[in-house]
Amino acid sequence: MAAREPIVVERVQTGIRVEKRLLKVLKAVAEYCDLTLGDLVEGIVLHAFEGKAPFDAETLRHIEDLKRIYGLTLTAADSHQLQERNE
């Protein structure tokens, strides 16, 4: 398969709030995939927008290990139930 030409984009810095354990797993997955966190998030979102899975079976197994290591028990079903702790 021939290599595709790079697509030039304009990236912006953003400040988003993400659940602490989820961020730890995301950072570890980015490292595992040899990507920046931003590149990983872009890839996940672009796949999701097309209804495609962003990870192969091997990476998903690694993600399960990382979730266990970092204590991430949240699932997609929890996504609309999250509420920040009042401190």
N, C-alpha and C. Protein backbone atom coordinates (compact mmCIF):
# COMPACT_ATOMS: atom_id res chain seq x y z
N MET A 1 0.85 -1.18 0.00
CA MET A 1 0.00 0.00 0.00
C MET A 1 0.89 1.24 0.00
N ALA A 2 0.62 2.17 -0.87
CA ALA A 2 1.41 3.39 -0.98
C ALA A 2 1.16 4.31 0.21
N ALA A 3 2.21 5.00 0.64
CA ALA A 3 2.07 5.95 1.75
C ALA A 3 1.25 7.15 1.29
N ARG A 4 0.40 7.62 2.18
CA ARG A 4 -0.43 8.78 1.87
C ARG A 4 0.33 10.05 2.18
N GLU A 5 0.00 11.10 1.48
CA GLU A 5 0.59 12.41 1.73
C GLU A 5 0.08 12.94 3.08
N PRO A 6 0.94 13.63 3.83
CA PRO A 6 0.49 14.23 5.10
C PRO A 6 -0.63 15.25 4.85
N ILE A 7 -1.51 15.36 5.82
CA ILE A 7 -2.59 16.35 5.77
C ILE A 7 -2.24 17.44 6.77
N VAL A 8 -2.09 18.65 6.29
CA VAL A 8 -1.72 19.77 7.14
C VAL A 8 -2.96 20.27 7.87
N VAL A 9 -2.85 20.38 9.19
CA VAL A 9 -3.97 20.84 10.01
C VAL A 9 -3.49 21.97 10.92
N GLU A 10 -4.44 22.68 11.49
CA GLU A 10 -4.13 23.70 12.50
C GLU A 10 -4.59 23.16 13.85
N ARG A 11 -3.67 22.98 14.76
CA ARG A 11 -4.02 22.49 16.09
C ARG A 11 -4.08 23.68 17.05
N VAL A 12 -4.95 23.55 18.05
CA VAL A 12 -5.09 24.59 19.07
C VAL A 12 -4.89 23.96 20.44
N GLN A 13 -4.37 24.74 21.35
CA GLN A 13 -4.20 24.29 22.73
C GLN A 13 -5.56 24.41 23.43
N THR A 14 -5.91 23.39 24.19
CA THR A 14 -7.18 23.41 24.88
C THR A 14 -7.00 22.92 26.31
N GLY A 15 -7.85 23.33 27.17
CA GLY A 15 -7.82 22.86 28.55
C GLY A 15 -9.10 22.09 28.82
N ILE A 16 -9.00 20.77 28.83
CA ILE A 16 -10.19 19.97 29.13
C ILE A 16 -10.00 19.27 30.46
N ARG A 17 -11.09 19.00 31.13
CA ARG A 17 -11.05 18.28 32.40
C ARG A 17 -11.44 16.84 32.12
N VAL A 18 -10.63 15.91 32.62
CA VAL A 18 -10.84 14.49 32.38
C VAL A 18 -10.69 13.75 33.70
N GLU A 19 -11.48 12.73 33.91
CA GLU A 19 -11.40 11.92 35.12
C GLU A 19 -9.96 11.43 35.30
N LYS A 20 -9.46 11.52 36.51
CA LYS A 20 -8.04 11.29 36.82
C LYS A 20 -7.53 9.92 36.37
N ARG A 21 -8.24 8.86 36.70
CA ARG A 21 -7.78 7.51 36.33
C ARG A 21 -7.86 7.30 34.82
N LEU A 22 -8.87 7.88 34.19
CA LEU A 22 -9.00 7.78 32.74
C LEU A 22 -7.81 8.46 32.06
N LEU A 23 -7.41 9.61 32.56
CA LEU A 23 -6.26 10.31 31.99
C LEU A 23 -4.98 9.49 32.15
N LYS A 24 -4.81 8.84 33.29
CA LYS A 24 -3.63 7.99 33.49
C LYS A 24 -3.58 6.87 32.47
N VAL A 25 -4.73 6.24 32.23
CA VAL A 25 -4.79 5.15 31.24
C VAL A 25 -4.53 5.71 29.84
N LEU A 26 -5.14 6.85 29.51
CA LEU A 26 -4.91 7.45 28.19
C LEU A 26 -3.44 7.76 27.96
N LYS A 27 -2.78 8.33 28.95
CA LYS A 27 -1.35 8.64 28.82
C LYS A 27 -0.54 7.37 28.61
N ALA A 28 -0.88 6.32 29.34
CA ALA A 28 -0.16 5.05 29.21
C ALA A 28 -0.41 4.41 27.85
N VAL A 29 -1.62 4.52 27.34
CA VAL A 29 -1.94 3.98 26.01
C VAL A 29 -1.18 4.77 24.94
N ALA A 30 -1.12 6.08 25.09
CA ALA A 30 -0.37 6.91 24.14
C ALA A 30 1.10 6.47 24.12
N GLU A 31 1.66 6.26 25.29
CA GLU A 31 3.05 5.81 25.38
C GLU A 31 3.20 4.44 24.71
N TYR A 32 2.29 3.53 25.00
CA TYR A 32 2.32 2.19 24.42
C TYR A 32 2.26 2.24 22.89
N CYS A 33 1.46 3.16 22.36
CA CYS A 33 1.29 3.30 20.91
C CYS A 33 2.32 4.24 20.29
N ASP A 34 3.22 4.78 21.11
CA ASP A 34 4.25 5.71 20.66
C ASP A 34 3.64 6.94 19.98
N LEU A 35 2.63 7.50 20.65
CA LEU A 35 1.92 8.68 20.18
C LEU A 35 1.92 9.75 21.27
N THR A 36 1.69 10.98 20.88
CA THR A 36 1.41 12.00 21.89
C THR A 36 -0.02 11.78 22.37
N LEU A 37 -0.33 12.34 23.52
CA LEU A 37 -1.70 12.24 24.03
C LEU A 37 -2.68 12.88 23.06
N GLY A 38 -2.32 14.03 22.51
CA GLY A 38 -3.20 14.71 21.55
C GLY A 38 -3.45 13.87 20.30
N ASP A 39 -2.39 13.23 19.76
CA ASP A 39 -2.56 12.37 18.60
C ASP A 39 -3.47 11.18 18.90
N LEU A 40 -3.31 10.61 20.10
CA LEU A 40 -4.17 9.49 20.50
C LEU A 40 -5.63 9.93 20.56
N VAL A 41 -5.90 11.05 21.21
CA VAL A 41 -7.28 11.54 21.35
C VAL A 41 -7.87 11.85 19.98
N GLU A 42 -7.09 12.50 19.10
CA GLU A 42 -7.59 12.77 17.75
C GLU A 42 -7.96 11.47 17.03
N GLY A 43 -7.10 10.47 17.14
CA GLY A 43 -7.38 9.20 16.49
C GLY A 43 -8.62 8.52 17.03
N ILE A 44 -8.77 8.53 18.36
CA ILE A 44 -9.95 7.92 18.99
C ILE A 44 -11.22 8.62 18.51
N VAL A 45 -11.20 9.94 18.52
CA VAL A 45 -12.39 10.71 18.13
C VAL A 45 -12.72 10.52 16.66
N LEU A 46 -11.72 10.57 15.78
CA LEU A 46 -11.98 10.38 14.35
C LEU A 46 -12.56 8.99 14.08
N HIS A 47 -12.04 7.97 14.76
CA HIS A 47 -12.61 6.63 14.62
C HIS A 47 -14.05 6.60 15.14
N ALA A 48 -14.29 7.19 16.31
CA ALA A 48 -15.63 7.19 16.90
C ALA A 48 -16.64 7.91 16.00
N PHE A 49 -16.23 9.02 15.39
CA PHE A 49 -17.13 9.76 14.50
C PHE A 49 -17.57 8.92 13.30
N GLU A 50 -16.77 7.91 12.94
CA GLU A 50 -17.13 7.04 11.83
C GLU A 50 -17.68 5.69 12.30
N GLY A 51 -17.88 5.55 13.62
CA GLY A 51 -18.41 4.32 14.16
C GLY A 51 -17.42 3.17 14.08
N LYS A 52 -16.13 3.48 14.06
CA LYS A 52 -15.09 2.46 13.95
C LYS A 52 -14.35 2.31 15.27
N ALA A 53 -13.86 1.11 15.52
CA ALA A 53 -13.06 0.86 16.71
C ALA A 53 -11.63 1.37 16.48
N PRO A 54 -11.07 2.12 17.43
CA PRO A 54 -9.74 2.68 17.22
C PRO A 54 -8.60 1.72 17.56
N PHE A 55 -8.87 0.61 18.24
CA PHE A 55 -7.80 -0.26 18.72
C PHE A 55 -8.00 -1.69 18.25
N ASP A 56 -6.87 -2.38 18.00
CA ASP A 56 -6.93 -3.79 17.66
C ASP A 56 -7.02 -4.62 18.95
N ALA A 57 -7.18 -5.92 18.81
CA ALA A 57 -7.39 -6.81 19.96
C ALA A 57 -6.20 -6.77 20.93
N GLU A 58 -4.99 -6.74 20.42
CA GLU A 58 -3.81 -6.71 21.29
C GLU A 58 -3.78 -5.44 22.13
N THR A 59 -4.05 -4.31 21.52
CA THR A 59 -4.06 -3.05 22.27
C THR A 59 -5.18 -3.03 23.29
N LEU A 60 -6.33 -3.58 22.94
CA LEU A 60 -7.44 -3.65 23.90
C LEU A 60 -7.08 -4.50 25.12
N ARG A 61 -6.34 -5.59 24.92
CA ARG A 61 -5.88 -6.40 26.05
C ARG A 61 -4.93 -5.58 26.93
N HIS A 62 -4.06 -4.82 26.30
CA HIS A 62 -3.13 -3.98 27.05
C HIS A 62 -3.91 -2.90 27.83
N ILE A 63 -4.92 -2.34 27.21
CA ILE A 63 -5.75 -1.33 27.88
C ILE A 63 -6.44 -1.93 29.10
N GLU A 64 -6.92 -3.16 29.00
CA GLU A 64 -7.55 -3.82 30.15
C GLU A 64 -6.56 -3.94 31.31
N ASP A 65 -5.31 -4.29 31.00
CA ASP A 65 -4.27 -4.36 32.03
C ASP A 65 -4.04 -2.99 32.66
N LEU A 66 -3.97 -1.96 31.83
CA LEU A 66 -3.74 -0.60 32.34
C LEU A 66 -4.92 -0.14 33.21
N LYS A 67 -6.13 -0.46 32.80
CA LYS A 67 -7.31 -0.10 33.60
C LYS A 67 -7.23 -0.75 34.98
N ARG A 68 -6.82 -2.01 35.02
CA ARG A 68 -6.68 -2.70 36.30
C ARG A 68 -5.58 -2.03 37.14
N ILE A 69 -4.44 -1.75 36.53
CA ILE A 69 -3.31 -1.14 37.24
C ILE A 69 -3.71 0.21 37.85
N TYR A 70 -4.43 1.02 37.08
CA TYR A 70 -4.80 2.37 37.55
C TYR A 70 -6.17 2.43 38.23
N GLY A 71 -6.82 1.29 38.40
CA GLY A 71 -8.09 1.25 39.12
C GLY A 71 -9.24 1.89 38.38
N LEU A 72 -9.19 1.89 37.06
CA LEU A 72 -10.26 2.49 36.26
C LEU A 72 -11.36 1.46 36.05
N THR A 73 -12.48 1.68 36.72
CA THR A 73 -13.61 0.77 36.63
C THR A 73 -14.77 1.35 35.82
N LEU A 74 -14.64 2.59 35.38
CA LEU A 74 -15.70 3.24 34.61
C LEU A 74 -15.87 2.56 33.27
N THR A 75 -17.11 2.56 32.78
CA THR A 75 -17.42 2.01 31.46
C THR A 75 -18.18 3.06 30.65
N ALA A 76 -18.43 2.77 29.39
CA ALA A 76 -19.21 3.68 28.55
C ALA A 76 -20.58 3.94 29.15
N ALA A 77 -21.15 2.95 29.82
CA ALA A 77 -22.46 3.12 30.44
C ALA A 77 -22.44 4.18 31.54
N ASP A 78 -21.27 4.44 32.11
CA ASP A 78 -21.15 5.44 33.17
C ASP A 78 -20.99 6.86 32.64
N SER A 79 -20.78 7.02 31.35
CA SER A 79 -20.36 8.31 30.79
C SER A 79 -21.32 9.47 31.06
N HIS A 80 -22.59 9.21 31.19
CA HIS A 80 -23.55 10.30 31.44
C HIS A 80 -23.92 10.43 32.92
N GLN A 81 -23.25 9.67 33.77
CA GLN A 81 -23.56 9.67 35.20
C GLN A 81 -22.45 10.31 36.04
N LEU A 82 -21.38 10.76 35.41
CA LEU A 82 -20.22 11.26 36.15
C LEU A 82 -20.50 12.64 36.73
N GLN A 83 -20.12 12.81 37.96
CA GLN A 83 -20.30 14.08 38.65
C GLN A 83 -19.03 14.35 39.45
N GLU A 84 -18.53 15.60 39.40
CA GLU A 84 -17.32 15.93 40.13
C GLU A 84 -17.58 15.99 41.63
N ARG A 85 -16.57 15.56 42.35
CA ARG A 85 -16.62 15.62 43.81
C ARG A 85 -16.51 17.08 44.23
N ASN A 86 -17.35 17.50 45.15
CA ASN A 86 -17.27 18.87 45.70
C ASN A 86 -16.19 18.90 46.76
N GLU A 87 -15.15 19.69 46.52
CA GLU A 87 -14.06 19.77 47.51
C GLU A 87 -13.97 21.13 48.10
